[in-house]
Amino acid sequence: MAIALDNLRVGRVYSFSNMGEKRKLEILARLSGDNFKVKDMDTTEVYTIEELLRWGKGKDYELDEWMEE
């Protein structure tokens, strides 16, 4: 079950999948409401959660705290 956006914590890492894309994101800052500045841990690109969800949530939407295996 996906974590609600208001439960994200700055400094933590989360696994994110939506519309066939899978990413590992570090939360850098809370910008406003449910929008966060995030860093993609694979590409080191910085963007916002709002940009990731701009086109909606797909059937595969999942957001969970990342646990190292």
Protein backbone atom coordinates (compact mmCIF):
# COMPACT_ATOMS: atom_id res chain seq x y z
CA MET A 1 0.00 0.00 0.00
CA ALA A 2 1.38 3.40 -1.01
CA ILE A 3 2.42 5.99 1.55
CA ALA A 4 0.43 9.24 1.48
CA LEU A 5 2.47 12.22 0.29
CA ASP A 6 1.95 14.06 3.59
CA ASN A 7 3.79 11.21 5.37
CA LEU A 8 7.07 11.70 3.46
CA ARG A 9 10.04 12.83 5.55
CA VAL A 10 12.98 15.00 4.48
CA GLY A 11 16.22 13.01 4.34
CA ARG A 12 14.56 9.63 3.79
CA VAL A 13 14.70 7.50 0.64
CA TYR A 14 11.58 6.07 -1.03
CA SER A 15 10.91 3.68 -3.90
CA PHE A 16 8.47 5.16 -6.41
CA SER A 17 6.71 3.56 -9.36
CA ASN A 18 4.10 5.13 -11.62
CA MET A 19 3.11 4.70 -15.26
CA GLY A 20 5.77 2.00 -15.75
CA GLU A 21 8.63 4.09 -14.33
CA LYS A 22 10.51 2.96 -11.22
CA ARG A 23 12.72 5.32 -9.26
CA LYS A 24 14.52 5.58 -5.94
CA LEU A 25 14.02 9.08 -4.53
CA GLU A 26 15.60 11.01 -1.67
CA ILE A 27 13.41 13.76 -0.21
CA LEU A 28 15.46 16.98 -0.10
CA ALA A 29 12.87 19.54 1.06
CA ARG A 30 9.17 20.12 1.55
CA LEU A 31 8.13 22.95 -0.76
CA SER A 32 4.42 23.34 0.02
CA GLY A 33 1.53 21.08 0.92
CA ASP A 34 2.15 17.77 -0.85
CA ASN A 35 4.98 19.03 -3.07
CA PHE A 36 8.56 18.01 -2.32
CA LYS A 37 11.95 18.60 -3.89
CA VAL A 38 13.42 15.16 -4.61
CA LYS A 39 16.66 13.71 -5.94
CA ASP A 40 16.66 10.63 -8.17
CA MET A 41 19.26 8.35 -6.57
CA ASP A 42 20.19 6.72 -9.90
CA THR A 43 20.56 9.78 -12.12
CA THR A 44 21.16 12.45 -9.39
CA GLU A 45 18.59 14.63 -11.20
CA VAL A 46 16.59 16.98 -8.94
CA TYR A 47 12.89 17.67 -9.55
CA THR A 48 9.58 17.84 -7.65
CA ILE A 49 6.96 15.24 -6.76
CA GLU A 50 4.48 17.47 -8.58
CA GLU A 51 6.46 16.96 -11.82
CA LEU A 52 6.41 13.18 -11.33
CA LEU A 53 2.63 13.11 -10.83
CA ARG A 54 1.76 15.75 -13.44
CA TRP A 55 0.03 13.21 -15.70
CA GLY A 56 -1.77 11.40 -12.87
CA LYS A 57 -1.36 8.18 -10.95
CA GLY A 58 -1.33 4.96 -12.95
CA LYS A 59 -2.59 1.53 -11.90
CA ASP A 60 0.97 0.66 -10.82
CA TYR A 61 1.37 3.74 -8.54
CA GLU A 62 3.35 2.81 -5.45
CA LEU A 63 5.35 4.91 -2.98
CA ASP A 64 7.07 3.15 -0.08
CA GLU A 65 10.05 3.76 2.15
CA TRP A 66 13.08 2.13 0.56
CA MET A 67 14.61 -0.68 2.58
CA GLU A 68 18.10 -1.85 1.66
CA GLU A 69 18.09 -5.58 0.99
